[in-house]
């Protein structure tokens, strides 16, 4: 690889890392673990951590999600219990943790900034 090609790759990596930090997500968080959404559930993805926020999209049955960070919000009851934890799965996109099989009743990822 040429020196120019290496510089382009380094710049692309630095730009991506800076963008993730602006979103409040550390660059290493991009290597998130994927978690199963509850079986048989089409899960609403919302703009914020509560059902009062607009639905951005709906995940299909059998979906897996990468959780980048978690934040407290509205308390929701789902297949995995009752929780006020909401999972950030993309920029400005949240799902209720009570519908995601994380294996824990508490936080499994860092708190959102």
PDB file of N, CA and C in Angstrom:
ATOM      1  N   UNK A   1       0.857  -1.174   0.000  1.00  0.00           N
ATOM      2  CA  UNK A   1       0.000   0.000   0.000  1.00  0.00           C
ATOM      3  C   UNK A   1       0.897   1.230   0.000  1.00  0.00           C
ATOM      4  N   UNK A   2       0.501   2.208  -0.733  1.00  0.00           N
ATOM      5  CA  UNK A   2       1.278   3.443  -0.810  1.00  0.00           C
ATOM      6  C   UNK A   2       1.096   4.259   0.457  1.00  0.00           C
ATOM      7  N   UNK A   3       2.006   5.182   0.638  1.00  0.00           N
ATOM      8  CA  UNK A   3       1.923   6.084   1.785  1.00  0.00           C
ATOM      9  C   UNK A   3       0.629   6.904   1.727  1.00  0.00           C
ATOM     10  N   UNK A   4       0.234   7.286   0.521  1.00  0.00           N
ATOM     11  CA  UNK A   4      -1.006   8.054   0.353  1.00  0.00           C
ATOM     12  C   UNK A   4      -2.218   7.200   0.749  1.00  0.00           C
ATOM     13  N   UNK A   5      -2.223   5.923   0.375  1.00  0.00           N
ATOM     14  CA  UNK A   5      -3.322   5.018   0.730  1.00  0.00           C
ATOM     15  C   UNK A   5      -3.431   4.821   2.231  1.00  0.00           C
ATOM     16  N   UNK A   6      -2.265   4.684   2.895  1.00  0.00           N
ATOM     17  CA  UNK A   6      -2.266   4.531   4.355  1.00  0.00           C
ATOM     18  C   UNK A   6      -2.808   5.786   5.029  1.00  0.00           C
ATOM     19  N   UNK A   7      -2.419   6.960   4.519  1.00  0.00           N
ATOM     20  CA  UNK A   7      -2.930   8.218   5.087  1.00  0.00           C
ATOM     21  C   UNK A   7      -4.444   8.303   4.930  1.00  0.00           C
ATOM     22  N   UNK A   8      -4.978   7.867   3.779  1.00  0.00           N
ATOM     23  CA  UNK A   8      -6.422   7.904   3.555  1.00  0.00           C
ATOM     24  C   UNK A   8      -7.145   7.004   4.537  1.00  0.00           C
ATOM     25  N   UNK A   9      -6.596   5.800   4.774  1.00  0.00           N
ATOM     26  CA  UNK A   9      -7.217   4.885   5.735  1.00  0.00           C
ATOM     27  C   UNK A   9      -7.164   5.455   7.148  1.00  0.00           C
ATOM     28  N   UNK A  10      -6.031   6.042   7.524  1.00  0.00           N
ATOM     29  CA  UNK A  10      -5.922   6.644   8.850  1.00  0.00           C
ATOM     30  C   UNK A  10      -6.901   7.793   9.017  1.00  0.00           C
ATOM     31  N   UNK A  11      -7.033   8.623   8.004  1.00  0.00           N
ATOM     32  CA  UNK A  11      -7.964   9.742   8.061  1.00  0.00           C
ATOM     33  C   UNK A  11      -9.400   9.239   8.181  1.00  0.00           C
ATOM     34  N   UNK A  12      -9.748   8.205   7.416  1.00  0.00           N
ATOM     35  CA  UNK A  12     -11.104   7.638   7.485  1.00  0.00           C
ATOM     36  C   UNK A  12     -11.375   7.098   8.883  1.00  0.00           C
ATOM     37  N   UNK A  13     -10.405   6.397   9.468  1.00  0.00           N
ATOM     38  CA  UNK A  13     -10.573   5.868  10.819  1.00  0.00           C
ATOM     39  C   UNK A  13     -10.708   6.971  11.852  1.00  0.00           C
ATOM     40  N   UNK A  14      -9.906   8.006  11.722  1.00  0.00           N
ATOM     41  CA  UNK A  14      -9.973   9.133  12.665  1.00  0.00           C
ATOM     42  C   UNK A  14     -11.303   9.858  12.546  1.00  0.00           C
ATOM     43  N   UNK A  15     -11.776  10.023  11.319  1.00  0.00           N
ATOM     44  CA  UNK A  15     -13.060  10.697  11.098  1.00  0.00           C
ATOM     45  C   UNK A  15     -14.197   9.901  11.713  1.00  0.00           C
ATOM     46  N   UNK A  16     -14.191   8.580  11.515  1.00  0.00           N
ATOM     47  CA  UNK A  16     -15.234   7.720  12.091  1.00  0.00           C
ATOM     48  C   UNK A  16     -15.196   7.803  13.614  1.00  0.00           C
ATOM     49  N   UNK A  17     -13.992   7.724  14.193  1.00  0.00           N
ATOM     50  CA  UNK A  17     -13.868   7.805  15.648  1.00  0.00           C
ATOM     51  C   UNK A  17     -14.379   9.125  16.189  1.00  0.00           C
ATOM     52  N   UNK A  18     -14.057  10.222  15.520  1.00  0.00           N
ATOM     53  CA  UNK A  18     -14.527  11.546  15.956  1.00  0.00           C
ATOM     54  C   UNK A  18     -16.046  11.636  15.860  1.00  0.00           C
ATOM     55  N   UNK A  19     -16.622  11.095  14.795  1.00  0.00           N
ATOM     56  CA  UNK A  19     -18.073  11.111  14.617  1.00  0.00           C
ATOM     57  C   UNK A  19     -18.761  10.338  15.741  1.00  0.00           C
ATOM     58  N   UNK A  20     -18.238   9.163  16.078  1.00  0.00           N
ATOM     59  CA  UNK A  20     -18.836   8.371  17.152  1.00  0.00           C
ATOM     60  C   UNK A  20     -18.741   9.097  18.483  1.00  0.00           C
ATOM     61  N   UNK A  21     -17.635   9.798  18.717  1.00  0.00           N
ATOM     62  CA  UNK A  21     -17.488  10.532  19.970  1.00  0.00           C
ATOM     63  C   UNK A  21     -18.480  11.687  20.050  1.00  0.00           C
ATOM     64  N   UNK A  22     -18.774  12.344  18.935  1.00  0.00           N
ATOM     65  CA  UNK A  22     -19.771  13.412  18.909  1.00  0.00           C
ATOM     66  C   UNK A  22     -21.133  12.851  19.299  1.00  0.00           C
ATOM     67  N   UNK A  23     -21.412  11.615  18.897  1.00  0.00           N
ATOM     68  CA  UNK A  23     -22.682  10.983  19.229  1.00  0.00           C
ATOM     69  C   UNK A  23     -22.722  10.488  20.674  1.00  0.00           C
ATOM     70  N   UNK A  24     -21.597  10.595  21.382  1.00  0.00           N
ATOM     71  CA  UNK A  24     -21.546  10.093  22.750  1.00  0.00           C
ATOM     72  C   UNK A  24     -21.235   8.616  22.810  1.00  0.00           C
ATOM     73  N   UNK A  25     -20.668   8.076  21.722  1.00  0.00           N
ATOM     74  CA  UNK A  25     -20.325   6.665  21.647  1.00  0.00           C
ATOM     75  C   UNK A  25     -18.818   6.585  21.455  1.00  0.00           C
ATOM     76  N   UNK A  26     -18.151   5.807  22.292  1.00  0.00           N
ATOM     77  CA  UNK A  26     -16.706   5.699  22.126  1.00  0.00           C
ATOM     78  C   UNK A  26     -16.402   4.877  20.880  1.00  0.00           C
ATOM     79  N   UNK A  27     -15.292   5.159  20.194  1.00  0.00           N
ATOM     80  CA  UNK A  27     -14.947   4.406  18.990  1.00  0.00           C
ATOM     81  C   UNK A  27     -14.866   2.905  19.228  1.00  0.00           C
ATOM     82  N   UNK A  28     -14.475   2.471  20.427  1.00  0.00           N
ATOM     83  CA  UNK A  28     -14.401   1.041  20.694  1.00  0.00           C
ATOM     84  C   UNK A  28     -15.783   0.432  20.887  1.00  0.00           C
ATOM     85  N   UNK A  29     -16.800   1.254  21.127  1.00  0.00           N
ATOM     86  CA  UNK A  29     -18.153   0.737  21.295  1.00  0.00           C
ATOM     87  C   UNK A  29     -18.704   0.177  19.997  1.00  0.00           C
ATOM     88  N   UNK A  30     -18.069   0.499  18.865  1.00  0.00           N
ATOM     89  CA  UNK A  30     -18.552  -0.014  17.599  1.00  0.00           C
ATOM     90  C   UNK A  30     -18.396  -1.526  17.510  1.00  0.00           C
ATOM     91  N   UNK A  31     -17.628  -2.119  18.423  1.00  0.00           N
ATOM     92  CA  UNK A  31     -17.455  -3.561  18.457  1.00  0.00           C
ATOM     93  C   UNK A  31     -18.446  -4.175  19.445  1.00  0.00           C
ATOM     94  N   UNK A  32     -19.651  -3.667  19.493  1.00  0.00           N
ATOM     95  CA  UNK A  32     -20.666  -4.095  20.449  1.00  0.00           C
ATOM     96  C   UNK A  32     -21.080  -5.544  20.210  1.00  0.00           C
ATOM     97  N   UNK A  33     -21.527  -6.172  21.277  1.00  0.00           N
ATOM     98  CA  UNK A  33     -22.101  -7.506  21.213  1.00  0.00           C
ATOM     99  C   UNK A  33     -23.523  -7.397  20.678  1.00  0.00           C
ATOM    100  N   UNK A  34     -23.968  -8.403  19.925  1.00  0.00           N
ATOM    101  CA  UNK A  34     -25.336  -8.421  19.423  1.00  0.00           C
ATOM    102  C   UNK A  34     -26.210  -9.235  20.365  1.00  0.00           C
ATOM    103  N   UNK A  35     -27.397  -8.718  20.628  1.00  0.00           N
ATOM    104  CA  UNK A  35     -28.344  -9.352  21.541  1.00  0.00           C
ATOM    105  C   UNK A  35     -29.632  -9.662  20.795  1.00  0.00           C
ATOM    106  N   UNK A  36     -30.266 -10.787  21.159  1.00  0.00           N
ATOM    107  CA  UNK A  36     -31.526 -11.190  20.532  1.00  0.00           C
ATOM    108  C   UNK A  36     -32.689 -10.372  21.054  1.00  0.00           C
ATOM    109  N   UNK A  37     -33.572  -9.984  20.140  1.00  0.00           N
ATOM    110  CA  UNK A  37     -34.858  -9.412  20.525  1.00  0.00           C
ATOM    111  C   UNK A  37     -35.752 -10.600  20.897  1.00  0.00           C
ATOM    112  N   UNK A  38     -36.673 -10.406  21.829  1.00  0.00           N
ATOM    113  CA  UNK A  38     -37.548 -11.486  22.299  1.00  0.00           C
ATOM    114  C   UNK A  38     -38.196 -12.228  21.128  1.00  0.00           C
ATOM    115  N   UNK A  39     -38.296 -13.552  21.228  1.00  0.00           N
ATOM    116  CA  UNK A  39     -38.883 -14.344  20.143  1.00  0.00           C
ATOM    117  C   UNK A  39     -40.308 -13.906  19.810  1.00  0.00           C
ATOM    118  N   UNK A  40     -40.610 -13.842  18.527  1.00  0.00           N
ATOM    119  CA  UNK A  40     -41.955 -13.509  18.065  1.00  0.00           C
ATOM    120  C   UNK A  40     -42.321 -12.036  18.163  1.00  0.00           C
ATOM    121  N   UNK A  41     -41.353 -11.185  18.516  1.00  0.00           N
ATOM    122  CA  UNK A  41     -41.647  -9.762  18.724  1.00  0.00           C
ATOM    123  C   UNK A  41     -41.114  -8.923  17.563  1.00  0.00           C
ATOM    124  N   UNK A  42     -41.997  -8.068  17.041  1.00  0.00           N
ATOM    125  CA  UNK A  42     -41.575  -7.001  16.131  1.00  0.00           C
ATOM    126  C   UNK A  42     -41.418  -5.779  17.033  1.00  0.00           C
ATOM    127  N   UNK A  43     -40.185  -5.338  17.219  1.00  0.00           N
ATOM    128  CA  UNK A  43     -39.897  -4.329  18.239  1.00  0.00           C
ATOM    129  C   UNK A  43     -39.834  -2.920  17.656  1.00  0.00           C
ATOM    130  N   UNK A  44     -40.601  -2.010  18.268  1.00  0.00           N
ATOM    131  CA  UNK A  44     -40.566  -0.603  17.852  1.00  0.00           C
ATOM    132  C   UNK A  44     -39.269   0.053  18.304  1.00  0.00           C
ATOM    133  N   UNK A  45     -38.644   0.762  17.393  1.00  0.00           N
ATOM    134  CA  UNK A  45     -37.447   1.546  17.687  1.00  0.00           C
ATOM    135  C   UNK A  45     -37.910   2.991  17.789  1.00  0.00           C
ATOM    136  N   UNK A  46     -37.549   3.651  18.878  1.00  0.00           N
ATOM    137  CA  UNK A  46     -38.040   5.002  19.135  1.00  0.00           C
ATOM    138  C   UNK A  46     -36.919   6.029  19.147  1.00  0.00           C
ATOM    139  N   UNK A  47     -37.286   7.279  18.991  1.00  0.00           N
ATOM    140  CA  UNK A  47     -36.343   8.402  18.930  1.00  0.00           C
ATOM    141  C   UNK A  47     -35.717   8.694  20.293  1.00  0.00           C
ATOM    142  N   UNK A  48     -36.329   8.240  21.364  1.00  0.00           N
ATOM    143  CA  UNK A  48     -35.820   8.478  22.713  1.00  0.00           C
ATOM    144  C   UNK A  48     -36.244   7.354  23.636  1.00  0.00           C
ATOM    145  N   UNK A  49     -35.858   7.420  24.922  1.00  0.00           N
ATOM    146  CA  UNK A  49     -36.098   6.336  25.873  1.00  0.00           C
ATOM    147  C   UNK A  49     -37.482   6.331  26.525  1.00  0.00           C
ATOM    148  N   UNK A  50     -38.508   6.199  25.708  1.00  0.00           N
ATOM    149  CA  UNK A  50     -39.871   6.131  26.229  1.00  0.00           C
ATOM    150  C   UNK A  50     -40.876   5.970  25.114  1.00  0.00           C
ATOM    151  N   UNK A  51     -42.062   5.482  25.463  1.00  0.00           N
ATOM    152  CA  UNK A  51     -43.099   5.248  24.455  1.00  0.00           C
ATOM    153  C   UNK A  51     -43.726   6.544  23.942  1.00  0.00           C
ATOM    154  N   UNK A  52     -43.441   7.664  24.613  1.00  0.00           N
ATOM    155  CA  UNK A  52     -43.954   8.951  24.131  1.00  0.00           C
ATOM    156  C   UNK A  52     -43.148   9.470  22.945  1.00  0.00           C
ATOM    157  N   UNK A  53     -41.972   8.890  22.705  1.00  0.00           N
ATOM    158  CA  UNK A  53     -41.144   9.300  21.567  1.00  0.00           C
ATOM    159  C   UNK A  53     -41.656   8.647  20.287  1.00  0.00           C
ATOM    160  N   UNK A  54     -41.488   9.319  19.151  1.00  0.00           N
ATOM    161  CA  UNK A  54     -41.986   8.745  17.894  1.00  0.00           C
ATOM    162  C   UNK A  54     -41.240   7.460  17.503  1.00  0.00           C
ATOM    163  N   UNK A  55     -41.971   6.586  16.818  1.00  0.00           N
ATOM    164  CA  UNK A  55     -41.380   5.352  16.293  1.00  0.00           C
ATOM    165  C   UNK A  55     -40.587   5.701  15.034  1.00  0.00           C
ATOM    166  N   UNK A  56     -39.323   5.266  15.008  1.00  0.00           N
ATOM    167  CA  UNK A  56     -38.430   5.520  13.881  1.00  0.00           C
ATOM    168  C   UNK A  56     -38.561   4.392  12.851  1.00  0.00           C
ATOM    169  N   UNK A  57     -38.641   3.165  13.378  1.00  0.00           N
ATOM    170  CA  UNK A  57     -38.772   1.973  12.536  1.00  0.00           C
ATOM    171  C   UNK A  57     -39.180   0.821  13.428  1.00  0.00           C
ATOM    172  N   UNK A  58     -39.471  -0.309  12.813  1.00  0.00           N
ATOM    173  CA  UNK A  58     -39.824  -1.510  13.564  1.00  0.00           C
ATOM    174  C   UNK A  58     -38.886  -2.635  13.158  1.00  0.00           C
ATOM    175  N   UNK A  59     -38.291  -3.290  14.163  1.00  0.00           N
ATOM    176  CA  UNK A  59     -37.398  -4.407  13.886  1.00  0.00           C
ATOM    177  C   UNK A  59     -38.218  -5.660  13.605  1.00  0.00           C
ATOM    178  N   UNK A  60     -37.795  -6.474  12.649  1.00  0.00           N
ATOM    179  CA  UNK A  60     -38.556  -7.686  12.321  1.00  0.00           C
ATOM    180  C   UNK A  60     -38.380  -8.772  13.380  1.00  0.00           C
ATOM    181  N   UNK A  61     -39.278  -9.743  13.375  1.00  0.00           N
ATOM    182  CA  UNK A  61     -39.165 -10.915  14.240  1.00  0.00           C
ATOM    183  C   UNK A  61     -37.807 -11.570  13.963  1.00  0.00           C
ATOM    184  N   UNK A  62     -37.120 -11.967  15.026  1.00  0.00           N
ATOM    185  CA  UNK A  62     -35.825 -12.627  14.886  1.00  0.00           C
ATOM    186  C   UNK A  62     -34.640 -11.684  14.809  1.00  0.00           C
ATOM    187  N   UNK A  63     -34.871 -10.394  15.016  1.00  0.00           N
ATOM    188  CA  UNK A  63     -33.793  -9.406  14.922  1.00  0.00           C
ATOM    189  C   UNK A  63     -32.816  -9.539  16.082  1.00  0.00           C
ATOM    190  N   UNK A  64     -31.596  -9.106  15.822  1.00  0.00           N
ATOM    191  CA  UNK A  64     -30.555  -8.953  16.841  1.00  0.00           C
ATOM    192  C   UNK A  64     -30.155  -7.487  16.823  1.00  0.00           C
ATOM    193  N   UNK A  65     -29.766  -6.965  17.993  1.00  0.00           N
ATOM    194  CA  UNK A  65     -29.365  -5.565  18.063  1.00  0.00           C
ATOM    195  C   UNK A  65     -28.009  -5.425  18.728  1.00  0.00           C
ATOM    196  N   UNK A  66     -27.241  -4.465  18.252  1.00  0.00           N
ATOM    197  CA  UNK A  66     -25.997  -4.068  18.911  1.00  0.00           C
ATOM    198  C   UNK A  66     -26.358  -2.927  19.851  1.00  0.00           C
ATOM    199  N   UNK A  67     -25.997  -3.059  21.097  1.00  0.00           N
ATOM    200  CA  UNK A  67     -26.276  -2.014  22.078  1.00  0.00           C
ATOM    201  C   UNK A  67     -24.994  -1.210  22.268  1.00  0.00           C
ATOM    202  N   UNK A  68     -25.058   0.082  21.960  1.00  0.00           N
ATOM    203  CA  UNK A  68     -23.890   0.938  22.085  1.00  0.00           C
ATOM    204  C   UNK A  68     -23.790   1.571  23.461  1.00  0.00           C
ATOM    205  N   UNK A  69     -24.933   1.924  24.031  1.00  0.00           N
ATOM    206  CA  UNK A  69     -24.971   2.450  25.389  1.00  0.00           C
ATOM    207  C   UNK A  69     -26.397   2.289  25.893  1.00  0.00           C
ATOM    208  N   UNK A  70     -26.597   2.503  27.186  1.00  0.00           N
ATOM    209  CA  UNK A  70     -27.921   2.353  27.791  1.00  0.00           C
ATOM    210  C   UNK A  70     -28.218   3.569  28.653  1.00  0.00           C
ATOM    211  N   UNK A  71     -29.519   3.870  28.782  1.00  0.00           N
ATOM    212  CA  UNK A  71     -29.937   5.046  29.535  1.00  0.00           C
ATOM    213  C   UNK A  71     -31.250   4.764  30.257  1.00  0.00           C
ATOM    214  N   UNK A  72     -31.476   5.396  31.403  1.00  0.00           N
ATOM    215  CA  UNK A  72     -32.768   5.236  32.059  1.00  0.00           C
ATOM    216  C   UNK A  72     -33.852   6.021  31.311  1.00  0.00           C
ATOM    217  N   UNK A  73     -35.060   5.525  31.388  1.00  0.00           N
ATOM    218  CA  UNK A  73     -36.195   6.186  30.745  1.00  0.00           C
ATOM    219  C   UNK A  73     -37.491   5.653  31.327  1.00  0.00           C
ATOM    220  N   UNK A  74     -38.511   5.621  30.505  1.00  0.00           N
ATOM    221  CA  UNK A  74     -39.823   5.123  30.933  1.00  0.00           C
ATOM    222  C   UNK A  74     -39.733   3.651  31.321  1.00  0.00           C
ATOM    223  N   UNK A  75     -40.422   3.276  32.388  1.00  0.00           N
ATOM    224  CA  UNK A  75     -40.471   1.874  32.808  1.00  0.00           C
ATOM    225  C   UNK A  75     -41.436   1.108  31.912  1.00  0.00           C
ATOM    226  N   UNK A  76     -40.947  -0.024  31.404  1.00  0.00           N
ATOM    227  CA  UNK A  76     -41.704  -0.848  30.463  1.00  0.00           C
ATOM    228  C   UNK A  76     -41.656  -2.297  30.929  1.00  0.00           C
ATOM    229  N   UNK A  77     -42.758  -3.019  30.749  1.00  0.00           N
ATOM    230  CA  UNK A  77     -42.802  -4.447  31.040  1.00  0.00           C
ATOM    231  C   UNK A  77     -42.810  -5.210  29.728  1.00  0.00           C
ATOM    232  N   UNK A  78     -41.946  -6.206  29.637  1.00  0.00           N
ATOM    233  CA  UNK A  78     -41.842  -7.020  28.428  1.00  0.00           C
ATOM    234  C   UNK A  78     -41.513  -8.454  28.782  1.00  0.00           C
ATOM    235  N   UNK A  79     -41.147  -9.250  27.788  1.00  0.00           N
ATOM    236  CA  UNK A  79     -40.855 -10.674  28.012  1.00  0.00           C
ATOM    237  C   UNK A  79     -39.712 -10.925  28.993  1.00  0.00           C
ATOM    238  N   UNK A  80     -38.806  -9.959  29.161  1.00  0.00           N
ATOM    239  CA  UNK A  80     -37.670 -10.140  30.059  1.00  0.00           C
ATOM    240  C   UNK A  80     -37.800  -9.310  31.330  1.00  0.00           C
ATOM    241  N   UNK A  81     -39.047  -9.040  31.733  1.00  0.00           N
ATOM    242  CA  UNK A  81     -39.283  -8.358  32.991  1.00  0.00           C
ATOM    243  C   UNK A  81     -39.703  -6.909  32.838  1.00  0.00           C
ATOM    244  N   UNK A  82     -39.613  -6.181  33.934  1.00  0.00           N
ATOM    245  CA  UNK A  82     -39.959  -4.764  33.964  1.00  0.00           C
ATOM    246  C   UNK A  82     -38.682  -3.979  34.198  1.00  0.00           C
ATOM    247  N   UNK A  83     -38.462  -2.975  33.361  1.00  0.00           N
ATOM    248  CA  UNK A  83     -37.216  -2.221  33.434  1.00  0.00           C
ATOM    249  C   UNK A  83     -37.414  -0.792  32.930  1.00  0.00           C
ATOM    250  N   UNK A  84     -36.600   0.110  33.461  1.00  0.00           N
ATOM    251  CA  UNK A  84     -36.582   1.480  32.946  1.00  0.00           C
ATOM    252  C   UNK A  84     -35.340   1.703  32.073  1.00  0.00           C
ATOM    253  N   UNK A  85     -34.619   0.633  31.748  1.00  0.00           N
ATOM    254  CA  UNK A  85     -33.419   0.744  30.912  1.00  0.00           C
ATOM    255  C   UNK A  85     -33.820   0.719  29.444  1.00  0.00           C
ATOM    256  N   UNK A  86     -33.248   1.640  28.680  1.00  0.00           N
ATOM    257  CA  UNK A  86     -33.439   1.696  27.227  1.00  0.00           C
ATOM    258  C   UNK A  86     -32.089   1.560  26.552  1.00  0.00           C
ATOM    259  N   UNK A  87     -32.065   0.785  25.483  1.00  0.00           N
ATOM    260  CA  UNK A  87     -30.839   0.472  24.765  1.00  0.00           C
ATOM    261  C   UNK A  87     -30.700   1.351  23.529  1.00  0.00           C
ATOM    262  N   UNK A  88     -29.565   2.023  23.412  1.00  0.00           N
ATOM    263  CA  UNK A  88     -29.266   2.824  22.219  1.00  0.00           C
ATOM    264  C   UNK A  88     -28.674   1.879  21.176  1.00  0.00           C
ATOM    265  N   UNK A  89     -29.397   1.692  20.053  1.00  0.00           N
ATOM    266  CA  UNK A  89     -28.954   0.743  19.031  1.00  0.00           C
ATOM    267  C   UNK A  89     -28.422   1.438  17.778  1.00  0.00           C
ATOM    268  N   UNK A  90     -28.574   2.733  17.712  1.00  0.00           N
ATOM    269  CA  UNK A  90     -28.051   3.544  16.613  1.00  0.00           C
ATOM    270  C   UNK A  90     -28.232   5.001  17.018  1.00  0.00           C
ATOM    271  N   UNK A  91     -27.709   5.899  16.234  1.00  0.00           N
ATOM    272  CA  UNK A  91     -27.811   7.312  16.561  1.00  0.00           C
ATOM    273  C   UNK A  91     -29.275   7.736  16.680  1.00  0.00           C
ATOM    274  N   UNK A  92     -29.685   8.147  17.890  1.00  0.00           N
ATOM    275  CA  UNK A  92     -31.057   8.591  18.113  1.00  0.00           C
ATOM    276  C   UNK A  92     -32.092   7.490  18.028  1.00  0.00           C
ATOM    277  N   UNK A  93     -31.694   6.223  18.234  1.00  0.00           N
ATOM    278  CA  UNK A  93     -32.619   5.086  18.154  1.00  0.00           C
ATOM    279  C   UNK A  93     -32.512   4.239  19.425  1.00  0.00           C
ATOM    280  N   UNK A  94     -33.671   4.038  20.080  1.00  0.00           N
ATOM    281  CA  UNK A  94     -33.717   3.324  21.352  1.00  0.00           C
ATOM    282  C   UNK A  94     -34.788   2.240  21.330  1.00  0.00           C
ATOM    283  N   UNK A  95     -34.496   1.134  22.048  1.00  0.00           N
ATOM    284  CA  UNK A  95     -35.480   0.070  22.262  1.00  0.00           C
ATOM    285  C   UNK A  95     -35.535  -0.227  23.751  1.00  0.00           C
ATOM    286  N   UNK A  96     -36.692  -0.658  24.226  1.00  0.00           N
ATOM    287  CA  UNK A  96     -36.856  -1.003  25.631  1.00  0.00           C
ATOM    288  C   UNK A  96     -36.069  -2.273  25.933  1.00  0.00           C
ATOM    289  N   UNK A  97     -35.225  -2.212  26.964  1.00  0.00           N
ATOM    290  CA  UNK A  97     -34.384  -3.350  27.335  1.00  0.00           C
ATOM    291  C   UNK A  97     -35.204  -4.559  27.769  1.00  0.00           C
ATOM    292  N   UNK A  98     -36.432  -4.358  28.212  1.00  0.00           N
ATOM    293  CA  UNK A  98     -37.296  -5.457  28.639  1.00  0.00           C
ATOM    294  C   UNK A  98     -37.653  -6.390  27.478  1.00  0.00           C
ATOM    295  N   UNK A  99     -37.335  -5.984  26.251  1.00  0.00           N
ATOM    296  CA  UNK A  99     -37.593  -6.797  25.060  1.00  0.00           C
ATOM    297  C   UNK A  99     -36.311  -7.349  24.438  1.00  0.00           C
ATOM    298  N   UNK A 100     -35.189  -7.135  25.108  1.00  0.00           N
ATOM    299  CA  UNK A 100     -33.898  -7.573  24.568  1.00  0.00           C
ATOM    300  C   UNK A 100     -33.258  -8.543  25.564  1.00  0.00           C
ATOM    301  N   UNK A 101     -32.818  -9.697  25.067  1.00  0.00           N
ATOM    302  CA  UNK A 101     -32.229 -10.722  25.927  1.00  0.00           C
ATOM    303  C   UNK A 101     -30.750 -10.412  26.179  1.00  0.00           C
ATOM    304  N   UNK A 102     -30.507  -9.640  27.247  1.00  0.00           N
ATOM    305  CA  UNK A 102     -29.130  -9.273  27.589  1.00  0.00           C
ATOM    306  C   UNK A 102     -28.537 -10.221  28.625  1.00  0.00           C
ATOM    307  N   UNK A 103     -29.400 -11.002  29.287  1.00  0.00           N
ATOM    308  CA  UNK A 103     -28.919 -11.894  30.334  1.00  0.00           C
ATOM    309  C   UNK A 103     -28.748 -11.206  31.674  1.00  0.00           C
ATOM    310  N   UNK A 104     -29.229  -9.980  31.793  1.00  0.00           N
ATOM    311  CA  UNK A 104     -29.069  -9.220  33.027  1.00  0.00           C
ATOM    312  C   UNK A 104     -30.275  -8.313  33.247  1.00  0.00           C
ATOM    313  N   UNK A 105     -30.580  -8.058  34.522  1.00  0.00           N
ATOM    314  CA  UNK A 105     -31.630  -7.092  34.868  1.00  0.00           C
ATOM    315  C   UNK A 105     -31.065  -5.686  34.969  1.00  0.00           C
ATOM    316  N   UNK A 106     -29.738  -5.558  34.865  1.00  0.00           N
ATOM    317  CA  UNK A 106     -29.088  -4.259  34.994  1.00  0.00           C
ATOM    318  C   UNK A 106     -28.421  -3.850  33.693  1.00  0.00           C
ATOM    319  N   UNK A 107     -27.540  -2.887  33.817  1.00  0.00           N
ATOM    320  CA  UNK A 107     -26.817  -2.358  32.674  1.00  0.00           C
ATOM    321  C   UNK A 107     -25.745  -3.357  32.223  1.00  0.00           C
ATOM    322  N   UNK A 108     -25.660  -3.565  30.905  1.00  0.00           N
ATOM    323  CA  UNK A 108     -24.633  -4.444  30.342  1.00  0.00           C
ATOM    324  C   UNK A 108     -23.673  -3.658  29.439  1.00  0.00           C
ATOM    325  N   UNK A 109     -23.990  -2.409  29.191  1.00  0.00           N
ATOM    326  CA  UNK A 109     -23.165  -1.524  28.366  1.00  0.00           C
ATOM    327  C   UNK A 109     -23.021  -0.195  29.111  1.00  0.00           C
ATOM    328  N   UNK A 110     -22.101   0.660  28.696  1.00  0.00           N
ATOM    329  CA  UNK A 110     -21.926   1.952  29.380  1.00  0.00           C
ATOM    330  C   UNK A 110     -23.191   2.813  29.282  1.00  0.00           C
ATOM    331  N   UNK A 111     -23.337   3.715  30.225  1.00  0.00           N
ATOM    332  CA  UNK A 111     -24.440   4.686  30.166  1.00  0.00           C
ATOM    333  C   UNK A 111     -24.199   5.656  29.031  1.00  0.00           C
ATOM    334  N   UNK A 112     -25.277   6.045  28.367  1.00  0.00           N
ATOM    335  CA  UNK A 112     -25.167   7.023  27.280  1.00  0.00           C
ATOM    336  C   UNK A 112     -24.762   8.379  27.857  1.00  0.00           C
ATOM    337  N   UNK A 113     -23.947   9.107  27.111  1.00  0.00           N
ATOM    338  CA  UNK A 113     -23.475  10.424  27.550  1.00  0.00           C
ATOM    339  C   UNK A 113     -24.593  11.443  27.472  1.00  0.00           C
TER     340      UNK A 113
END
